[in-house]
């Protein structure tokens, strides 16, 4: 079953342990694929990451410390205890955490770029959830650092550090600098592709327009700067982004992650 069809497939519980990066009595750290939603959906427990983790752990109460959009792969952190969740969530609230993403960008970005451009919800347009760089009074400060790792053959493998945490920030800033994220249905070449995908799943028109079935964005690393010690989690690139990078000459044949 196509994971990008009109209905995403249910997670195979037999495969799920292979997604686990770390687990102990306090935390469960997952490398999420780019086709699965985090929050529960109407299609039962195996249709979302939260539902799958409940099934796997047998715990009714789980605390999602850090979530991702459906099409963003990488680190998702669950706390098994309220006190642990509070510790990690307070670190995020107090900005004692840094995170990095890996992204495949359209075009060749040759030098690091510091983007300081406020973001607001776009007024009008066919896609209600779309944001844009704006000087509107509702705009919020947004800062992103782009560090190109390999730029060749019309693409760039880039490490991205969002300094602020606005919705869709990396994708909005990538569009703003003229280096859109490969496979992005909202901020890519035609936002009506997003509507078509929601209504029909992956179609021939999407296949002609986008070189990857989902946005090439991966949460690579979290660093929590707790007072007593620092805690770091990392997640290797998912296979679909690895394969695209190899085909584009951005990674060596045996390289799994930068």
C-alpha atoms as a PDB file:
ATOM      1  CA  UNK A   1       0.000   0.000   0.000  1.00  0.00           C
ATOM      2  CA  UNK A   2       1.293   3.426  -0.950  1.00  0.00           C
ATOM      3  CA  UNK A   3       2.136   5.363   2.261  1.00  0.00           C
ATOM      4  CA  UNK A   4       1.217   8.523   0.344  1.00  0.00           C
ATOM      5  CA  UNK A   5      -2.123   7.278  -0.937  1.00  0.00           C
ATOM      6  CA  UNK A   6      -5.450   8.801   0.020  1.00  0.00           C
ATOM      7  CA  UNK A   7      -5.379   6.716   3.224  1.00  0.00           C
ATOM      8  CA  UNK A   8      -1.971   6.159   4.816  1.00  0.00           C
ATOM      9  CA  UNK A   9      -1.309   2.529   5.757  1.00  0.00           C
ATOM     10  CA  UNK A  10      -1.465   1.291   9.329  1.00  0.00           C
ATOM     11  CA  UNK A  11       1.828   0.819  11.131  1.00  0.00           C
ATOM     12  CA  UNK A  12       3.127  -2.748  11.351  1.00  0.00           C
ATOM     13  CA  UNK A  13       3.821  -3.308  15.050  1.00  0.00           C
ATOM     14  CA  UNK A  14       6.423  -5.885  14.079  1.00  0.00           C
ATOM     15  CA  UNK A  15       8.433  -3.181  12.311  1.00  0.00           C
ATOM     16  CA  UNK A  16       7.967  -0.506  14.951  1.00  0.00           C
ATOM     17  CA  UNK A  17      10.859  -1.573  17.269  1.00  0.00           C
ATOM     18  CA  UNK A  18      13.213  -0.759  14.381  1.00  0.00           C
ATOM     19  CA  UNK A  19      12.144   2.880  14.662  1.00  0.00           C
ATOM     20  CA  UNK A  20      13.222   3.137  18.311  1.00  0.00           C
ATOM     21  CA  UNK A  21      16.472   5.028  18.921  1.00  0.00           C
ATOM     22  CA  UNK A  22      16.470   4.987  22.719  1.00  0.00           C
ATOM     23  CA  UNK A  23      14.188   3.626  25.424  1.00  0.00           C
ATOM     24  CA  UNK A  24      14.307   3.424  29.217  1.00  0.00           C
ATOM     25  CA  UNK A  25      11.854   3.801  32.093  1.00  0.00           C
ATOM     26  CA  UNK A  26      11.578   7.548  31.430  1.00  0.00           C
ATOM     27  CA  UNK A  27      11.744   8.131  27.672  1.00  0.00           C
ATOM     28  CA  UNK A  28      11.003   6.627  24.293  1.00  0.00           C
ATOM     29  CA  UNK A  29      12.800   8.282  21.371  1.00  0.00           C
ATOM     30  CA  UNK A  30      11.619   7.508  17.838  1.00  0.00           C
ATOM     31  CA  UNK A  31      12.940   8.103  14.319  1.00  0.00           C
ATOM     32  CA  UNK A  32       9.576   8.796  12.656  1.00  0.00           C
ATOM     33  CA  UNK A  33       9.108   8.138   8.931  1.00  0.00           C
ATOM     34  CA  UNK A  34       7.768  10.948   6.766  1.00  0.00           C
ATOM     35  CA  UNK A  35       4.320   9.482   6.059  1.00  0.00           C
ATOM     36  CA  UNK A  36       2.924   9.117   9.585  1.00  0.00           C
ATOM     37  CA  UNK A  37       0.980  11.636  11.675  1.00  0.00           C
ATOM     38  CA  UNK A  38       1.896  12.035  15.340  1.00  0.00           C
ATOM     39  CA  UNK A  39      -1.508  12.638  16.877  1.00  0.00           C
ATOM     40  CA  UNK A  40      -4.368  10.079  16.973  1.00  0.00           C
ATOM     41  CA  UNK A  41      -6.613   9.886  13.929  1.00  0.00           C
ATOM     42  CA  UNK A  42     -10.040   8.407  13.205  1.00  0.00           C
ATOM     43  CA  UNK A  43      -8.513   5.292  11.630  1.00  0.00           C
ATOM     44  CA  UNK A  44      -7.574   3.581  14.880  1.00  0.00           C
ATOM     45  CA  UNK A  45      -4.472   3.318  17.079  1.00  0.00           C
ATOM     46  CA  UNK A  46      -2.120   2.017  14.393  1.00  0.00           C
ATOM     47  CA  UNK A  47      -2.768   5.037  12.151  1.00  0.00           C
ATOM     48  CA  UNK A  48      -0.770   7.473  14.325  1.00  0.00           C
ATOM     49  CA  UNK A  49       2.530   7.463  16.176  1.00  0.00           C
ATOM     50  CA  UNK A  50       0.858   8.192  19.530  1.00  0.00           C
ATOM     51  CA  UNK A  51      -1.517   5.261  19.010  1.00  0.00           C
ATOM     52  CA  UNK A  52       1.302   2.919  18.043  1.00  0.00           C
ATOM     53  CA  UNK A  53       3.395   3.916  21.076  1.00  0.00           C
ATOM     54  CA  UNK A  54       0.401   3.263  23.355  1.00  0.00           C
ATOM     55  CA  UNK A  55      -0.032  -0.168  21.818  1.00  0.00           C
ATOM     56  CA  UNK A  56       3.683  -0.912  22.102  1.00  0.00           C
ATOM     57  CA  UNK A  57       4.174   0.284  25.684  1.00  0.00           C
ATOM     58  CA  UNK A  58       0.762  -0.580  27.118  1.00  0.00           C
ATOM     59  CA  UNK A  59       0.724   2.883  28.708  1.00  0.00           C
ATOM     60  CA  UNK A  60      -2.507   4.852  28.469  1.00  0.00           C
ATOM     61  CA  UNK A  61      -0.871   8.160  29.402  1.00  0.00           C
ATOM     62  CA  UNK A  62       2.059   9.287  27.298  1.00  0.00           C
ATOM     63  CA  UNK A  63       3.560  12.738  27.027  1.00  0.00           C
ATOM     64  CA  UNK A  64       4.630  13.983  23.603  1.00  0.00           C
ATOM     65  CA  UNK A  65       7.633  16.191  24.351  1.00  0.00           C
ATOM     66  CA  UNK A  66       8.403  17.068  20.747  1.00  0.00           C
ATOM     67  CA  UNK A  67       6.222  16.382  17.698  1.00  0.00           C
ATOM     68  CA  UNK A  68       6.653  16.706  13.943  1.00  0.00           C
ATOM     69  CA  UNK A  69       4.400  17.395  10.971  1.00  0.00           C
ATOM     70  CA  UNK A  70       3.282  14.297   9.101  1.00  0.00           C
ATOM     71  CA  UNK A  71       5.757  14.721   6.238  1.00  0.00           C
ATOM     72  CA  UNK A  72       8.740  15.702   8.391  1.00  0.00           C
ATOM     73  CA  UNK A  73      10.747  12.689   9.495  1.00  0.00           C
ATOM     74  CA  UNK A  74      13.109  12.298  12.415  1.00  0.00           C
ATOM     75  CA  UNK A  75      13.167  12.737  16.161  1.00  0.00           C
ATOM     76  CA  UNK A  76       9.985  12.430  18.185  1.00  0.00           C
ATOM     77  CA  UNK A  77      10.351  12.232  21.954  1.00  0.00           C
ATOM     78  CA  UNK A  78       7.863  10.639  24.361  1.00  0.00           C
ATOM     79  CA  UNK A  79       8.069  10.882  28.149  1.00  0.00           C
ATOM     80  CA  UNK A  80       6.579   8.031  30.159  1.00  0.00           C
ATOM     81  CA  UNK A  81       6.180  10.036  33.362  1.00  0.00           C
ATOM     82  CA  UNK A  82       4.642  13.483  33.989  1.00  0.00           C
ATOM     83  CA  UNK A  83       7.705  14.684  35.916  1.00  0.00           C
ATOM     84  CA  UNK A  84      10.006  13.739  33.024  1.00  0.00           C
ATOM     85  CA  UNK A  85       7.721  15.420  30.509  1.00  0.00           C
ATOM     86  CA  UNK A  86       7.682  18.568  32.613  1.00  0.00           C
ATOM     87  CA  UNK A  87      11.491  18.647  32.784  1.00  0.00           C
ATOM     88  CA  UNK A  88      11.899  18.415  29.007  1.00  0.00           C
ATOM     89  CA  UNK A  89       8.990  20.716  28.181  1.00  0.00           C
ATOM     90  CA  UNK A  90      10.310  23.378  30.575  1.00  0.00           C
ATOM     91  CA  UNK A  91      13.681  23.200  28.820  1.00  0.00           C
ATOM     92  CA  UNK A  92      11.908  23.897  25.523  1.00  0.00           C
ATOM     93  CA  UNK A  93       9.870  26.713  27.076  1.00  0.00           C
ATOM     94  CA  UNK A  94      12.982  28.281  28.608  1.00  0.00           C
ATOM     95  CA  UNK A  95      14.895  27.953  25.314  1.00  0.00           C
ATOM     96  CA  UNK A  96      17.458  25.615  26.805  1.00  0.00           C
ATOM     97  CA  UNK A  97      17.254  23.372  23.793  1.00  0.00           C
ATOM     98  CA  UNK A  98      18.683  23.562  20.299  1.00  0.00           C
ATOM     99  CA  UNK A  99      17.670  21.426  17.345  1.00  0.00           C
ATOM    100  CA  UNK A 100      18.928  20.857  13.848  1.00  0.00           C
ATOM    101  CA  UNK A 101      17.299  19.528  10.719  1.00  0.00           C
ATOM    102  CA  UNK A 102      18.598  18.116   7.472  1.00  0.00           C
ATOM    103  CA  UNK A 103      16.858  19.391   4.358  1.00  0.00           C
ATOM    104  CA  UNK A 104      17.245  18.880   0.626  1.00  0.00           C
ATOM    105  CA  UNK A 105      16.823  22.229  -1.102  1.00  0.00           C
ATOM    106  CA  UNK A 106      16.133  23.100  -4.715  1.00  0.00           C
ATOM    107  CA  UNK A 107      19.100  24.848  -6.308  1.00  0.00           C
ATOM    108  CA  UNK A 108      22.679  25.087  -5.108  1.00  0.00           C
ATOM    109  CA  UNK A 109      23.203  27.123  -1.951  1.00  0.00           C
ATOM    110  CA  UNK A 110      26.933  27.803  -1.883  1.00  0.00           C
ATOM    111  CA  UNK A 111      27.406  29.644   1.435  1.00  0.00           C
ATOM    112  CA  UNK A 112      25.817  29.700   4.912  1.00  0.00           C
ATOM    113  CA  UNK A 113      22.827  31.986   5.191  1.00  0.00           C
ATOM    114  CA  UNK A 114      21.342  33.681   8.265  1.00  0.00           C
ATOM    115  CA  UNK A 115      17.684  34.504   7.663  1.00  0.00           C
ATOM    116  CA  UNK A 116      15.944  36.992   9.974  1.00  0.00           C
ATOM    117  CA  UNK A 117      12.504  37.511   8.449  1.00  0.00           C
ATOM    118  CA  UNK A 118       9.224  37.710  10.341  1.00  0.00           C
ATOM    119  CA  UNK A 119       6.412  35.310   9.493  1.00  0.00           C
ATOM    120  CA  UNK A 120       2.623  35.722   9.505  1.00  0.00           C
ATOM    121  CA  UNK A 121      -0.345  33.657   8.398  1.00  0.00           C
ATOM    122  CA  UNK A 122      -1.010  34.504   4.772  1.00  0.00           C
ATOM    123  CA  UNK A 123      -4.189  36.387   4.041  1.00  0.00           C
ATOM    124  CA  UNK A 124      -6.197  34.743   1.282  1.00  0.00           C
ATOM    125  CA  UNK A 125      -5.090  32.051  -1.123  1.00  0.00           C
ATOM    126  CA  UNK A 126      -6.359  28.513  -1.626  1.00  0.00           C
ATOM    127  CA  UNK A 127      -4.378  26.920   1.247  1.00  0.00           C
ATOM    128  CA  UNK A 128      -5.551  28.257   4.600  1.00  0.00           C
ATOM    129  CA  UNK A 129      -2.583  26.929   6.621  1.00  0.00           C
ATOM    130  CA  UNK A 130       0.066  28.652   4.505  1.00  0.00           C
ATOM    131  CA  UNK A 131       2.304  31.310   6.083  1.00  0.00           C
ATOM    132  CA  UNK A 132       4.656  33.813   4.484  1.00  0.00           C
ATOM    133  CA  UNK A 133       7.427  36.286   5.242  1.00  0.00           C
ATOM    134  CA  UNK A 134       5.567  39.458   6.150  1.00  0.00           C
ATOM    135  CA  UNK A 135       5.793  42.878   7.752  1.00  0.00           C
ATOM    136  CA  UNK A 136       2.146  42.647   8.839  1.00  0.00           C
ATOM    137  CA  UNK A 137       1.490  43.704  12.444  1.00  0.00           C
ATOM    138  CA  UNK A 138       0.605  40.084  13.250  1.00  0.00           C
ATOM    139  CA  UNK A 139       3.994  38.804  12.054  1.00  0.00           C
ATOM    140  CA  UNK A 140       6.280  37.080  14.545  1.00  0.00           C
ATOM    141  CA  UNK A 141      10.056  37.210  14.609  1.00  0.00           C
ATOM    142  CA  UNK A 142      11.589  34.199  12.867  1.00  0.00           C
ATOM    143  CA  UNK A 143      15.286  33.363  12.532  1.00  0.00           C
ATOM    144  CA  UNK A 144      16.798  30.399  10.684  1.00  0.00           C
ATOM    145  CA  UNK A 145      20.394  29.465   9.858  1.00  0.00           C
ATOM    146  CA  UNK A 146      21.078  27.459   6.694  1.00  0.00           C
ATOM    147  CA  UNK A 147      24.420  25.629   6.423  1.00  0.00           C
ATOM    148  CA  UNK A 148      24.984  23.918   3.056  1.00  0.00           C
ATOM    149  CA  UNK A 149      26.792  20.579   3.359  1.00  0.00           C
ATOM    150  CA  UNK A 150      26.867  19.506  -0.301  1.00  0.00           C
ATOM    151  CA  UNK A 151      25.606  21.576  -3.253  1.00  0.00           C
ATOM    152  CA  UNK A 152      25.695  20.018  -6.721  1.00  0.00           C
ATOM    153  CA  UNK A 153      23.548  18.833  -9.622  1.00  0.00           C
ATOM    154  CA  UNK A 154      20.854  21.408  -8.875  1.00  0.00           C
ATOM    155  CA  UNK A 155      20.266  20.465  -5.232  1.00  0.00           C
ATOM    156  CA  UNK A 156      21.703  21.207  -1.785  1.00  0.00           C
ATOM    157  CA  UNK A 157      21.884  18.964   1.254  1.00  0.00           C
ATOM    158  CA  UNK A 158      21.657  21.477   4.054  1.00  0.00           C
ATOM    159  CA  UNK A 159      21.803  21.501   7.845  1.00  0.00           C
ATOM    160  CA  UNK A 160      19.203  23.904   9.201  1.00  0.00           C
ATOM    161  CA  UNK A 161      19.059  25.459  12.670  1.00  0.00           C
ATOM    162  CA  UNK A 162      15.803  27.217  13.557  1.00  0.00           C
ATOM    163  CA  UNK A 163      16.599  29.790  16.243  1.00  0.00           C
ATOM    164  CA  UNK A 164      12.902  30.512  16.776  1.00  0.00           C
ATOM    165  CA  UNK A 165      10.044  28.036  16.523  1.00  0.00           C
ATOM    166  CA  UNK A 166       7.334  29.387  14.237  1.00  0.00           C
ATOM    167  CA  UNK A 167       4.934  27.120  12.379  1.00  0.00           C
ATOM    168  CA  UNK A 168       6.387  26.009   9.018  1.00  0.00           C
ATOM    169  CA  UNK A 169       9.374  28.303   9.702  1.00  0.00           C
ATOM    170  CA  UNK A 170      12.030  26.352   7.820  1.00  0.00           C
ATOM    171  CA  UNK A 171       9.752  25.819   4.826  1.00  0.00           C
ATOM    172  CA  UNK A 172       8.678  29.469   4.701  1.00  0.00           C
ATOM    173  CA  UNK A 173      12.263  30.724   4.926  1.00  0.00           C
ATOM    174  CA  UNK A 174      13.455  28.191   2.328  1.00  0.00           C
ATOM    175  CA  UNK A 175      10.834  29.525  -0.090  1.00  0.00           C
ATOM    176  CA  UNK A 176      11.790  33.106   0.829  1.00  0.00           C
ATOM    177  CA  UNK A 177      15.472  32.610  -0.065  1.00  0.00           C
ATOM    178  CA  UNK A 178      14.612  30.942  -3.377  1.00  0.00           C
ATOM    179  CA  UNK A 179      15.664  27.434  -2.317  1.00  0.00           C
ATOM    180  CA  UNK A 180      12.426  25.592  -1.651  1.00  0.00           C
ATOM    181  CA  UNK A 181      12.461  22.241   0.103  1.00  0.00           C
ATOM    182  CA  UNK A 182      12.261  19.376  -2.367  1.00  0.00           C
ATOM    183  CA  UNK A 183       8.825  17.748  -2.392  1.00  0.00           C
ATOM    184  CA  UNK A 184       7.052  20.511  -0.461  1.00  0.00           C
ATOM    185  CA  UNK A 185       3.386  20.498  -1.474  1.00  0.00           C
ATOM    186  CA  UNK A 186       2.484  23.833   0.154  1.00  0.00           C
ATOM    187  CA  UNK A 187       5.622  25.953  -0.321  1.00  0.00           C
ATOM    188  CA  UNK A 188       6.794  24.227  -3.485  1.00  0.00           C
ATOM    189  CA  UNK A 189       6.024  24.929  -7.150  1.00  0.00           C
ATOM    190  CA  UNK A 190       2.199  24.906  -6.889  1.00  0.00           C
ATOM    191  CA  UNK A 191       0.257  25.008  -3.631  1.00  0.00           C
ATOM    192  CA  UNK A 192      -2.816  23.450  -5.280  1.00  0.00           C
ATOM    193  CA  UNK A 193      -0.798  20.218  -5.221  1.00  0.00           C
ATOM    194  CA  UNK A 194      -1.434  20.170  -1.466  1.00  0.00           C
ATOM    195  CA  UNK A 195      -5.201  20.344  -1.980  1.00  0.00           C
ATOM    196  CA  UNK A 196      -5.045  17.614  -4.611  1.00  0.00           C
ATOM    197  CA  UNK A 197      -2.990  15.420  -2.281  1.00  0.00           C
ATOM    198  CA  UNK A 198      -5.410  15.884   0.634  1.00  0.00           C
ATOM    199  CA  UNK A 199      -8.340  14.983  -1.598  1.00  0.00           C
ATOM    200  CA  UNK A 200      -6.828  12.195  -3.710  1.00  0.00           C
ATOM    201  CA  UNK A 201      -3.461  11.143  -2.307  1.00  0.00           C
ATOM    202  CA  UNK A 202      -0.449  10.819  -4.602  1.00  0.00           C
ATOM    203  CA  UNK A 203      -1.515  11.442  -8.210  1.00  0.00           C
ATOM    204  CA  UNK A 204       0.124  11.535 -11.629  1.00  0.00           C
ATOM    205  CA  UNK A 205       0.183  15.346 -11.537  1.00  0.00           C
ATOM    206  CA  UNK A 206       2.000  15.318  -8.210  1.00  0.00           C
ATOM    207  CA  UNK A 207       4.478  12.781  -9.595  1.00  0.00           C
ATOM    208  CA  UNK A 208       5.189  15.060 -12.572  1.00  0.00           C
ATOM    209  CA  UNK A 209       5.594  18.124 -10.346  1.00  0.00           C
ATOM    210  CA  UNK A 210       7.522  16.825  -7.327  1.00  0.00           C
ATOM    211  CA  UNK A 211      10.692  14.689  -7.335  1.00  0.00           C
ATOM    212  CA  UNK A 212       9.960  13.248  -3.879  1.00  0.00           C
ATOM    213  CA  UNK A 213       6.650  12.087  -2.412  1.00  0.00           C
ATOM    214  CA  UNK A 214       7.050  14.142   0.761  1.00  0.00           C
ATOM    215  CA  UNK A 215       8.912  17.246   1.880  1.00  0.00           C
ATOM    216  CA  UNK A 216      12.621  16.482   2.274  1.00  0.00           C
ATOM    217  CA  UNK A 217      12.903  17.685   5.863  1.00  0.00           C
ATOM    218  CA  UNK A 218      14.303  15.583   8.704  1.00  0.00           C
ATOM    219  CA  UNK A 219      14.717  16.421  12.397  1.00  0.00           C
ATOM    220  CA  UNK A 220      18.292  15.305  13.012  1.00  0.00           C
ATOM    221  CA  UNK A 221      19.303  16.403  16.513  1.00  0.00           C
ATOM    222  CA  UNK A 222      17.991  17.715  19.831  1.00  0.00           C
ATOM    223  CA  UNK A 223      20.336  19.090  22.496  1.00  0.00           C
ATOM    224  CA  UNK A 224      18.787  19.783  25.904  1.00  0.00           C
ATOM    225  CA  UNK A 225      20.977  22.012  28.089  1.00  0.00           C
ATOM    226  CA  UNK A 226      19.902  20.893  31.525  1.00  0.00           C
ATOM    227  CA  UNK A 227      21.728  22.456  34.446  1.00  0.00           C
ATOM    228  CA  UNK A 228      23.060  19.132  35.712  1.00  0.00           C
ATOM    229  CA  UNK A 229      24.067  17.765  32.298  1.00  0.00           C
ATOM    230  CA  UNK A 230      23.370  18.038  28.583  1.00  0.00           C
ATOM    231  CA  UNK A 231      21.244  15.417  26.849  1.00  0.00           C
ATOM    232  CA  UNK A 232      21.526  14.863  23.097  1.00  0.00           C
ATOM    233  CA  UNK A 233      19.447  12.730  20.739  1.00  0.00           C
ATOM    234  CA  UNK A 234      20.220  12.140  17.052  1.00  0.00           C
ATOM    235  CA  UNK A 235      18.381  10.384  14.231  1.00  0.00           C
ATOM    236  CA  UNK A 236      19.891   9.221  10.922  1.00  0.00           C
ATOM    237  CA  UNK A 237      18.238  10.200   7.654  1.00  0.00           C
ATOM    238  CA  UNK A 238      15.267   8.104   6.607  1.00  0.00           C
ATOM    239  CA  UNK A 239      15.814   5.794   3.579  1.00  0.00           C
ATOM    240  CA  UNK A 240      13.777   7.900   1.137  1.00  0.00           C
ATOM    241  CA  UNK A 241      15.925  10.995   1.725  1.00  0.00           C
ATOM    242  CA  UNK A 242      19.093   8.889   1.671  1.00  0.00           C
ATOM    243  CA  UNK A 243      18.108   7.421  -1.698  1.00  0.00           C
ATOM    244  CA  UNK A 244      17.317  10.837  -3.174  1.00  0.00           C
ATOM    245  CA  UNK A 245      20.658  12.212  -1.963  1.00  0.00           C
ATOM    246  CA  UNK A 246      22.567   9.305  -3.484  1.00  0.00           C
ATOM    247  CA  UNK A 247      20.777   9.669  -6.826  1.00  0.00           C
ATOM    248  CA  UNK A 248      21.482  13.415  -6.828  1.00  0.00           C
ATOM    249  CA  UNK A 249      25.147  12.853  -5.947  1.00  0.00           C
ATOM    250  CA  UNK A 250      24.800  14.488  -2.535  1.00  0.00           C
ATOM    251  CA  UNK A 251      25.843  11.366  -0.604  1.00  0.00           C
ATOM    252  CA  UNK A 252      28.246   8.554  -1.361  1.00  0.00           C
ATOM    253  CA  UNK A 253      26.729   5.159  -2.120  1.00  0.00           C
ATOM    254  CA  UNK A 254      27.518   3.858   1.367  1.00  0.00           C
ATOM    255  CA  UNK A 255      26.899   7.028   3.305  1.00  0.00           C
ATOM    256  CA  UNK A 256      23.823   6.960   5.566  1.00  0.00           C
ATOM    257  CA  UNK A 257      23.923  10.431   7.051  1.00  0.00           C
ATOM    258  CA  UNK A 258      26.161  13.501   7.101  1.00  0.00           C
END
